[in-house]
Protein backbone atom coordinates (compact mmCIF):
# COMPACT_ATOMS: atom_id res chain seq x y z
CA UNK A 1 99.66 -139.18 34.28
CA UNK A 2 100.61 -142.83 34.76
CA UNK A 3 100.69 -144.21 38.25
CA UNK A 4 101.31 -147.71 39.59
CA UNK A 5 98.92 -149.22 42.08
CA UNK A 6 99.89 -151.77 44.70
CA UNK A 7 97.85 -154.93 44.90
CA UNK A 8 97.86 -158.02 47.08
CA UNK A 9 96.78 -161.29 45.44
CA UNK A 10 95.55 -164.35 47.33
CA UNK A 11 97.62 -167.38 46.30
CA UNK A 12 94.71 -169.71 47.06
CA UNK A 13 91.77 -168.18 45.18
CA UNK A 14 93.26 -165.33 43.13
CA UNK A 15 91.23 -162.51 44.65
CA UNK A 16 92.88 -159.09 44.79
CA UNK A 17 93.02 -156.52 47.59
CA UNK A 18 94.44 -153.01 47.78
CA UNK A 19 95.97 -153.66 51.21
CA UNK A 20 97.49 -156.57 53.04
CA UNK A 21 95.47 -158.48 55.60
CA UNK A 22 96.04 -161.69 57.50
CA UNK A 23 93.01 -163.55 56.16
CA UNK A 24 91.60 -163.52 52.64
CA UNK A 25 88.09 -162.08 52.67
CA UNK A 26 86.90 -164.36 49.85
CA UNK A 27 88.23 -167.86 50.61
CA UNK A 28 89.17 -167.50 54.29
CA UNK A 29 92.79 -168.68 53.89
CA UNK A 30 95.33 -167.24 56.34
CA UNK A 31 98.60 -165.55 55.30
CA UNK A 32 97.92 -166.15 51.60
CA UNK A 33 98.05 -162.50 50.39
CA UNK A 34 101.28 -161.59 48.61
CA UNK A 35 102.18 -158.26 47.06
CA UNK A 36 102.50 -158.31 43.29
CA UNK A 37 103.41 -155.62 40.85
CA UNK A 38 100.29 -153.91 39.66
CA UNK A 39 99.66 -152.79 36.11
CA UNK A 40 100.36 -149.19 35.29
CA UNK A 41 97.06 -147.35 35.05
CA UNK A 42 96.68 -144.42 32.65
CA UNK A 43 93.96 -141.95 33.45
CA UNK A 44 92.05 -141.42 30.19
CA UNK A 45 89.38 -138.79 29.78
CA UNK A 46 87.68 -140.09 26.62
CA UNK A 47 85.19 -142.98 26.35
CA UNK A 48 85.55 -146.35 24.60
CA UNK A 49 82.89 -145.87 21.91
CA UNK A 50 85.39 -145.01 19.18
CA UNK A 51 88.96 -145.65 18.11
CA UNK A 52 88.70 -149.45 17.87
CA UNK A 53 88.52 -151.77 14.88
CA UNK A 54 85.36 -153.19 13.41
CA UNK A 55 84.55 -156.80 14.28
CA UNK A 56 82.88 -159.21 11.85
CA UNK A 57 79.49 -160.53 12.91
CA UNK A 58 77.98 -163.78 11.62
CA UNK A 59 74.64 -165.50 12.14
CA UNK A 60 73.86 -168.87 13.63
CA UNK A 61 72.83 -170.12 10.17
CA UNK A 62 76.08 -169.10 8.48
CA UNK A 63 77.40 -171.66 5.99
CA UNK A 64 80.69 -172.30 7.80
CA UNK A 65 82.23 -175.74 8.17
CA UNK A 66 82.37 -176.71 11.84
CA UNK A 67 85.64 -178.08 13.24
CA UNK A 68 85.98 -181.86 13.27
CA UNK A 69 86.94 -183.68 16.42
CA UNK A 70 90.15 -185.69 16.54
CA UNK A 71 89.89 -189.00 18.36
CA UNK A 72 92.66 -189.70 20.84
CA UNK A 73 92.45 -193.44 20.18
CA UNK A 74 91.35 -193.96 23.80
CA UNK A 75 87.57 -194.32 23.90
CA UNK A 76 87.28 -193.60 27.63
CA UNK A 77 89.30 -190.39 27.16
CA UNK A 78 87.13 -189.40 24.19
CA UNK A 79 83.99 -190.04 26.26
CA UNK A 80 85.13 -187.63 28.97
CA UNK A 81 86.06 -185.03 26.32
CA UNK A 82 82.65 -185.32 24.66
CA UNK A 83 83.79 -187.23 21.58
CA UNK A 84 87.40 -186.19 21.04
CA UNK A 85 89.65 -183.14 20.83
CA UNK A 86 88.24 -180.02 19.18
CA UNK A 87 90.71 -177.87 17.19
CA UNK A 88 91.29 -174.56 18.96
CA UNK A 89 90.03 -175.84 22.30
CA UNK A 90 91.77 -175.55 25.67
CA UNK A 91 91.53 -178.40 28.18
CA UNK A 92 92.72 -178.38 31.78
CA UNK A 93 93.61 -181.78 33.29
CA UNK A 94 94.09 -181.92 37.07
CA UNK A 95 94.95 -184.72 39.46
CA UNK A 96 97.11 -185.80 42.37
CA UNK A 97 100.85 -186.35 41.79
CA UNK A 98 101.53 -189.81 40.40
CA UNK A 99 97.89 -190.46 39.47
CA UNK A 100 98.75 -190.94 35.77
CA UNK A 101 98.14 -187.57 34.07
CA UNK A 102 101.38 -187.56 32.10
CA UNK A 103 100.98 -191.24 31.21
CA UNK A 104 97.48 -190.70 29.83
CA UNK A 105 98.50 -187.66 27.79
CA UNK A 106 101.59 -189.43 26.43
CA UNK A 107 99.47 -192.37 25.29
CA UNK A 108 96.97 -190.03 23.61
CA UNK A 109 99.78 -188.02 21.99
CA UNK A 110 101.38 -191.19 20.61
CA UNK A 111 98.08 -192.37 19.11
CA UNK A 112 97.53 -189.03 17.37
CA UNK A 113 101.13 -188.83 16.14
CA UNK A 114 100.98 -192.33 14.67
CA UNK A 115 97.97 -191.23 12.61
CA UNK A 116 100.05 -188.47 11.03
CA UNK A 117 98.99 -185.52 13.20
CA UNK A 118 101.57 -183.08 14.54
CA UNK A 119 101.87 -183.37 18.33
CA UNK A 120 104.16 -181.30 20.57
CA UNK A 121 104.79 -182.25 24.22
CA UNK A 122 106.34 -179.49 26.35
CA UNK A 123 107.51 -180.61 29.79
CA UNK A 124 108.31 -178.04 32.44
CA UNK A 125 109.00 -180.56 35.19
CA UNK A 126 111.01 -183.32 33.49
CA UNK A 127 113.90 -183.47 31.08
CA UNK A 128 113.38 -184.74 27.56
CA UNK A 129 115.23 -187.98 28.34
CA UNK A 130 112.88 -188.69 31.24
CA UNK A 131 109.87 -188.40 28.93
CA UNK A 132 111.60 -190.70 26.42
CA UNK A 133 112.25 -193.30 29.11
CA UNK A 134 108.57 -193.29 30.10
CA UNK A 135 107.54 -193.60 26.46
CA UNK A 136 109.80 -196.63 25.96
CA UNK A 137 108.47 -198.26 29.12
CA UNK A 138 104.94 -197.83 27.75
CA UNK A 139 105.90 -199.17 24.33
CA UNK A 140 105.53 -195.78 22.64
CA UNK A 141 109.16 -195.10 21.80
CA UNK A 142 108.53 -195.20 18.05
CA UNK A 143 105.74 -192.57 18.07
CA UNK A 144 106.76 -189.33 16.22
CA UNK A 145 105.91 -187.01 19.12
CA UNK A 146 107.97 -183.81 19.27
CA UNK A 147 109.41 -183.27 22.77
CA UNK A 148 110.92 -180.25 24.50
CA UNK A 149 111.73 -179.14 28.04
CA UNK A 150 110.93 -175.44 28.51
CA UNK A 151 109.27 -173.08 30.97
CA UNK A 152 109.32 -169.77 29.07
CA UNK A 153 106.00 -169.01 27.38
CA UNK A 154 107.77 -166.61 24.99
CA UNK A 155 110.16 -169.35 23.84
CA UNK A 156 107.31 -171.83 23.40
CA UNK A 157 105.09 -169.50 21.37
CA UNK A 158 108.03 -168.32 19.25
CA UNK A 159 108.86 -171.93 18.36
CA UNK A 160 105.23 -172.85 17.70
CA UNK A 161 104.74 -169.81 15.46
CA UNK A 162 107.27 -171.10 12.95
CA UNK A 163 105.63 -173.19 10.24
CA UNK A 164 102.43 -175.14 10.65
CA UNK A 165 100.92 -175.10 14.16
CA UNK A 166 100.66 -178.50 15.87
CA UNK A 167 97.35 -180.33 16.01
CA UNK A 168 97.89 -180.93 19.75
CA UNK A 169 100.04 -178.91 22.16
CA UNK A 170 100.56 -180.40 25.64
CA UNK A 171 101.89 -178.23 28.48
CA UNK A 172 102.99 -180.25 31.54
CA UNK A 173 102.40 -178.37 33.75
CA UNK A 174 100.96 -174.85 33.67
CA UNK A 175 102.30 -174.11 37.17
CA UNK A 176 105.86 -174.31 35.84
CA UNK A 177 105.34 -171.82 32.98
CA UNK A 178 106.75 -168.30 33.18
CA UNK A 179 105.84 -165.13 31.28
CA UNK A 180 108.38 -162.30 31.15
CA UNK A 181 105.63 -159.71 30.65
CA UNK A 182 104.91 -159.59 34.37
CA UNK A 183 106.89 -160.05 37.55
CA UNK A 184 106.53 -163.01 39.82
CA UNK A 185 107.81 -166.54 40.26
CA UNK A 186 106.33 -169.46 38.30
CA UNK A 187 103.26 -170.90 39.98
CA UNK A 188 101.97 -167.64 41.42
CA UNK A 189 98.46 -166.51 40.60
CA UNK A 190 99.57 -163.76 38.21
CA UNK A 191 102.00 -166.03 36.35
CA UNK A 192 99.50 -168.87 35.96
CA UNK A 193 96.85 -166.46 34.71
CA UNK A 194 99.14 -164.66 32.26
CA UNK A 195 100.78 -167.82 30.91
CA UNK A 196 97.44 -169.55 30.40
CA UNK A 197 96.00 -166.52 28.65
CA UNK A 198 98.86 -166.36 26.12
CA UNK A 199 98.76 -170.10 25.43
CA UNK A 200 94.97 -170.15 25.03
CA UNK A 201 95.12 -167.16 22.69
CA UNK A 202 97.64 -169.02 20.50
CA UNK A 203 95.41 -172.12 20.44
CA UNK A 204 92.31 -170.12 19.43
CA UNK A 205 94.10 -168.16 16.69
CA UNK A 206 96.06 -171.06 15.16
CA UNK A 207 93.54 -173.88 15.64
CA UNK A 208 95.67 -176.10 17.88
CA UNK A 209 94.11 -178.22 20.58
CA UNK A 210 95.75 -177.17 23.86
CA UNK A 211 96.06 -179.53 26.82
CA UNK A 212 97.19 -178.00 30.14
CA UNK A 213 98.19 -180.12 33.12
CA UNK A 214 97.36 -178.53 36.47
CA UNK A 215 98.47 -179.32 40.00
CA UNK A 216 95.91 -179.87 42.74
CA UNK A 217 95.73 -178.64 46.31
CA UNK A 218 95.54 -180.82 49.42
CA UNK A 219 91.73 -180.88 49.25
CA UNK A 220 91.72 -182.08 45.63
CA UNK A 221 90.84 -178.84 43.82
CA UNK A 222 92.95 -177.50 40.97
CA UNK A 223 95.65 -175.17 42.26
CA UNK A 224 95.87 -171.59 41.09
CA UNK A 225 93.19 -168.96 40.49
CA UNK A 226 89.61 -170.00 39.92
CA UNK A 227 89.61 -167.82 36.82
CA UNK A 228 91.81 -170.47 35.16
CA UNK A 229 88.88 -172.89 35.10
CA UNK A 230 86.73 -170.22 33.44
CA UNK A 231 89.35 -169.50 30.77
CA UNK A 232 89.53 -173.07 29.43
CA UNK A 233 86.81 -174.95 27.54
CA UNK A 234 87.05 -178.25 29.38
CA UNK A 235 88.09 -179.16 32.93
CA UNK A 236 88.97 -182.81 33.56
CA UNK A 237 89.73 -184.26 36.98
CA UNK A 238 91.74 -187.48 37.31
CA UNK A 239 90.57 -189.21 40.49
CA UNK A 240 91.83 -192.25 42.36
CA UNK A 241 94.50 -193.41 44.77
CA UNK A 242 98.02 -194.24 43.70
CA UNK A 243 97.83 -197.41 45.80
CA UNK A 244 94.68 -198.53 43.95
CA UNK A 245 94.59 -199.90 40.44
CA UNK A 246 91.62 -198.00 39.05
CA UNK A 247 91.36 -194.36 37.98
CA UNK A 248 88.31 -192.24 37.07
CA UNK A 249 88.55 -189.36 34.60
CA UNK A 250 85.68 -186.96 35.30
CA UNK A 251 84.55 -183.97 33.21
CA UNK A 252 83.58 -181.14 35.57
CA UNK A 253 83.12 -178.62 32.76
CA UNK A 254 82.80 -179.11 29.00
CA UNK A 255 81.76 -176.54 26.42
CA UNK A 256 81.80 -179.20 23.69
CA UNK A 257 79.95 -182.01 25.45
CA UNK A 258 78.06 -183.09 28.51
CA UNK A 259 79.34 -182.58 32.02
CA UNK A 260 79.78 -185.28 34.65
CA UNK A 261 80.87 -187.81 32.03
CA UNK A 262 83.47 -190.28 33.29
CA UNK A 263 86.12 -192.51 31.81
CA UNK A 264 87.40 -195.47 33.79
CA UNK A 265 91.00 -196.72 33.53
CA UNK A 266 93.13 -199.39 35.15
CA UNK A 267 96.82 -198.77 35.82
CA UNK A 268 99.04 -201.57 34.52
CA UNK A 269 102.72 -202.03 33.67
CA UNK A 270 102.12 -201.00 30.07
CA UNK A 271 100.25 -197.83 31.11
CA UNK A 272 96.60 -196.97 31.53
CA UNK A 273 94.17 -199.46 30.02
CA UNK A 274 90.49 -198.80 29.39
CA UNK A 275 87.77 -200.44 31.44
CA UNK A 276 84.82 -201.12 29.18
CA UNK A 277 82.45 -202.37 31.92
CA UNK A 278 83.04 -200.19 35.02
CA UNK A 279 80.07 -201.71 36.87
CA UNK A 280 82.02 -204.94 37.30
CA UNK A 281 84.70 -203.03 39.24
CA UNK A 282 82.39 -201.82 41.99
CA UNK A 283 80.42 -205.03 42.54
CA UNK A 284 81.65 -207.92 44.67
CA UNK A 285 80.70 -211.55 44.17
CA UNK A 286 76.92 -211.77 44.50
CA UNK A 287 76.74 -215.56 44.82
CA UNK A 288 75.78 -215.36 48.52
CA UNK A 289 73.40 -212.99 50.27
CA UNK A 290 75.18 -210.61 52.64
CA UNK A 291 73.53 -208.42 55.25
CA UNK A 292 74.08 -204.68 54.92
CA UNK A 293 74.89 -204.80 51.19
CA UNK A 294 72.75 -203.25 48.44
CA UNK A 295 73.34 -202.36 44.79
CA UNK A 296 72.57 -198.90 43.41
CA UNK A 297 72.56 -197.98 39.68
CA UNK A 298 74.33 -194.62 39.70
CA UNK A 299 74.34 -192.33 36.69
CA UNK A 300 77.49 -190.51 35.53
CA UNK A 301 76.52 -188.24 32.65
CA UNK A 302 74.98 -190.65 30.15
CA UNK A 303 76.62 -193.76 31.61
CA UNK A 304 74.93 -195.89 34.29
CA UNK A 305 77.35 -197.51 36.75
CA UNK A 306 76.28 -200.10 39.29
CA UNK A 307 77.95 -199.71 42.69
CA UNK A 308 77.66 -201.64 45.92
CA UNK A 309 76.72 -199.86 49.13
CA UNK A 310 77.93 -201.54 52.32
CA UNK A 311 76.63 -200.78 55.81
CA UNK A 312 77.60 -202.08 59.24
CA UNK A 313 76.01 -201.40 62.62
CA UNK A 314 77.54 -202.26 65.99
CA UNK A 315 75.50 -202.10 69.20
CA UNK A 316 77.19 -200.35 72.13
CA UNK A 317 76.81 -201.76 75.62
CA UNK A 318 78.14 -198.69 77.41
CA UNK A 319 76.91 -195.12 77.29
CA UNK A 320 79.59 -193.97 74.84
CA UNK A 321 78.63 -191.70 71.97
CA UNK A 322 78.05 -193.86 68.87
CA UNK A 323 80.31 -193.21 65.90
CA UNK A 324 79.21 -192.39 62.34
CA UNK A 325 81.83 -193.11 59.66
CA UNK A 326 81.20 -192.60 55.94
CA UNK A 327 83.45 -193.32 52.93
CA UNK A 328 82.30 -192.21 49.47
CA UNK A 329 79.05 -190.50 50.49
CA UNK A 330 77.90 -187.32 52.20
CA UNK A 331 77.96 -187.64 55.99
CA UNK A 332 75.21 -185.02 56.32
CA UNK A 333 72.91 -187.04 54.09
CA UNK A 334 73.61 -190.16 56.17
CA UNK A 335 72.49 -188.27 59.27
CA UNK A 336 69.29 -187.30 57.45
CA UNK A 337 68.54 -190.91 56.44
CA UNK A 338 69.13 -192.11 60.01
CA UNK A 339 66.77 -189.42 61.32
CA UNK A 340 64.04 -190.46 58.87
CA UNK A 341 64.46 -194.14 59.80
CA UNK A 342 64.08 -193.30 63.50
CA UNK A 343 61.27 -190.78 63.19
CA UNK A 344 59.17 -192.28 60.38
CA UNK A 345 59.98 -196.00 60.54
CA UNK A 346 60.34 -196.73 64.25
CA UNK A 347 63.94 -197.96 64.13
CA UNK A 348 66.55 -196.98 66.71
CA UNK A 349 70.15 -196.24 65.75
CA UNK A 350 70.90 -194.09 68.80
CA UNK A 351 72.83 -196.86 70.58
CA UNK A 352 74.58 -198.27 67.50
CA UNK A 353 77.70 -197.25 65.66
CA UNK A 354 77.07 -196.87 61.93
CA UNK A 355 79.67 -197.44 59.20
CA UNK A 356 78.86 -196.80 55.54
CA UNK A 357 81.14 -197.52 52.59
CA UNK A 358 80.87 -197.27 48.81
CA UNK A 359 82.78 -200.24 47.40
CA UNK A 360 85.73 -199.76 45.06
CA UNK A 361 86.65 -196.26 46.19
CA UNK A 362 83.71 -194.77 44.27
CA UNK A 363 82.12 -191.47 45.35
CA UNK A 364 78.38 -190.85 45.06
CA UNK A 365 76.60 -187.50 45.08
CA UNK A 366 73.38 -188.72 43.44
CA UNK A 367 70.33 -188.27 45.74
CA UNK A 368 68.79 -191.33 44.10
CA UNK A 369 71.07 -193.44 46.32
CA UNK A 370 68.99 -192.62 49.41
CA UNK A 371 66.81 -195.72 49.14
CA UNK A 372 69.76 -198.07 48.65
CA UNK A 373 71.56 -196.53 51.64
CA UNK A 374 68.45 -196.80 53.85
CA UNK A 375 67.92 -200.43 52.84
CA UNK A 376 71.57 -201.26 53.61
CA UNK A 377 71.24 -199.69 57.06
CA UNK A 378 68.02 -201.60 57.81
CA UNK A 379 69.57 -204.83 56.57
CA UNK A 380 72.64 -204.34 58.75
CA UNK A 381 70.56 -203.48 61.83
CA UNK A 382 68.11 -206.36 61.46
CA UNK A 383 70.58 -208.91 60.02
CA UNK A 384 68.16 -209.58 57.18
CA UNK A 385 69.81 -209.67 53.73
CA UNK A 386 68.15 -208.38 50.60
CA UNK A 387 67.93 -210.62 47.50
CA UNK A 388 71.28 -210.67 45.71
CA UNK A 389 69.62 -210.06 42.32
CA UNK A 390 67.95 -206.76 43.35
CA UNK A 391 68.83 -203.09 42.87
CA UNK A 392 67.38 -200.06 44.65
CA UNK A 393 66.96 -196.44 43.62
CA UNK A 394 64.92 -193.52 44.93
CA UNK A 395 65.28 -190.25 46.79
CA UNK A 396 64.02 -190.16 50.38
CA UNK A 397 62.24 -187.02 51.59
CA UNK A 398 62.16 -185.85 55.20
CA UNK A 399 58.53 -186.92 55.34
CA UNK A 400 59.57 -190.50 54.54
CA UNK A 401 58.16 -190.32 51.02
CA UNK A 402 60.20 -191.93 48.24
CA UNK A 403 60.52 -189.41 45.46
CA UNK A 404 61.04 -190.24 41.75
CA UNK A 405 64.47 -190.12 40.12
CA UNK A 406 65.72 -189.16 36.67
CA UNK A 407 66.48 -191.70 33.93
CA UNK A 408 65.07 -194.66 35.83
CA UNK A 409 64.72 -196.88 32.75
CA UNK A 410 68.32 -196.22 31.71
CA UNK A 411 69.52 -197.33 35.13
CA UNK A 412 67.38 -200.49 35.04
CA UNK A 413 68.66 -201.43 31.58
CA UNK A 414 72.22 -201.50 32.92
CA UNK A 415 71.07 -203.62 35.89
CA UNK A 416 69.30 -206.04 33.55
CA UNK A 417 72.42 -206.30 31.41
CA UNK A 418 74.43 -207.45 34.46
CA UNK A 419 71.92 -210.11 35.47
CA UNK A 420 69.73 -208.35 38.06
CA UNK A 421 66.10 -209.42 37.90
CA UNK A 422 64.23 -207.16 40.36
CA UNK A 423 64.28 -203.54 41.48
CA UNK A 424 62.87 -201.61 44.44
CA UNK A 425 61.79 -198.26 43.01
CA UNK A 426 59.43 -195.29 43.47
CA UNK A 427 56.02 -195.56 41.81
CA UNK A 428 57.03 -193.48 38.77
CA UNK A 429 59.67 -195.95 37.49
CA UNK A 430 58.35 -198.47 34.98
CA UNK A 431 59.62 -202.02 34.70
CA UNK A 432 61.33 -203.73 31.77
CA UNK A 433 60.82 -207.13 30.18
CA UNK A 434 63.82 -208.68 31.90
CA UNK A 435 63.54 -207.01 35.30
CA UNK A 436 60.51 -206.75 37.59
CA UNK A 437 59.87 -203.76 39.82
CA UNK A 438 58.41 -203.49 43.30
CA UNK A 439 57.05 -200.02 44.03
CA UNK A 440 57.23 -198.32 47.43
CA UNK A 441 55.62 -194.96 48.17
CA UNK A 442 57.22 -194.42 51.58
CA UNK A 443 60.34 -195.62 53.33
CA UNK A 444 58.16 -197.17 56.02
CA UNK A 445 56.64 -199.47 53.36
CA UNK A 446 60.12 -200.68 52.41
CA UNK A 447 61.06 -201.26 56.08
CA UNK A 448 57.82 -203.21 56.66
CA UNK A 449 58.61 -205.36 53.64
CA UNK A 450 62.19 -206.05 54.73
CA UNK A 451 61.20 -206.83 58.36
CA UNK A 452 58.02 -208.69 57.37
CA UNK A 453 55.89 -206.37 59.49
CA UNK A 454 52.18 -206.17 58.83
């Protein structure tokens, strides 16, 4: 006998519960559980080992032509995608409102349409005339992109099923889509999950590349259930501030390429333009030596990017608690570096306020930046600048030892290309013809060298 079960779904993480409660047990959000209509469950007595259809199995060495990627005409976009769009793939693009998601996708759609590929742009938030106005402002008014304003998944799939499927289908955004198979308002967990599942199924069966635009929450994560990120093949995050010129497109997940690849763009009147040399964005003028400033060759996927780390220390005369402010780096890791400098190197930061900033709005999670951060702090405390043509890389252990880092030669090649001639590195990193290296085994050795001790 069929019976319907009640369920309560968390609107923050998508977890389900059989009863309502004030706080979600999985993500900890308060008052986020809403009752949704549960699926009708039929109690079946037999097993699932019969009654289905046979599936076709193939080997890894099967002589089947692999799908060819389609270039978007934007090299930075292709880099983040892993080389271009794959037919039958599903990509989720997230970012803050006004960051440039629709602009980037409209530029890519126009490039593909001008090459003769069929491109369909479905907008659930704007009217067709609004999309046309943006296209004309960007100089893309003559591109043969097919536009529509719709929110019903049934209407979209019915229209796409007539004739040849498009090479690229853009849905802007998935939170506005609605499926009439289930109850619930657009944007709820069940609607986002069901709408995405139907659209992804169409893309896999018909060979269309699907691009979904997703909203983000206040903490920067993609809104909706976490299962949405597992359903798609690629998750791209568009980072940056609307008040700043530069944007970073980061691949957090990619089944067809490497993760943590980035594409760098600059917002201009004619749209998003590519930045071929992102290291120049995050470096200030190095003509004069400045205390508290070091250069670190970060690594984003396969691309090295040189960034400037800035530190400032202010001595307190009173007994107030010193402040620690960090922008672009982990505050917990800064506390660890300060503890190592005090315990292993004999420096005192207990009576000084410490401010640390990554120039250009860049964010670093690479542990290889430890040595550059420590050197910037020592330089700011002692008012002794480092040579302007030097870079630093190395991970600092709690014992004060400088540990080796991955892809050291690749980082140094990028530094050499930009005119740097020396590097402070762990012993495992080898030098190049155009850049000399100075090896340090412990952080205390680097501090002694900077302060001319011993």
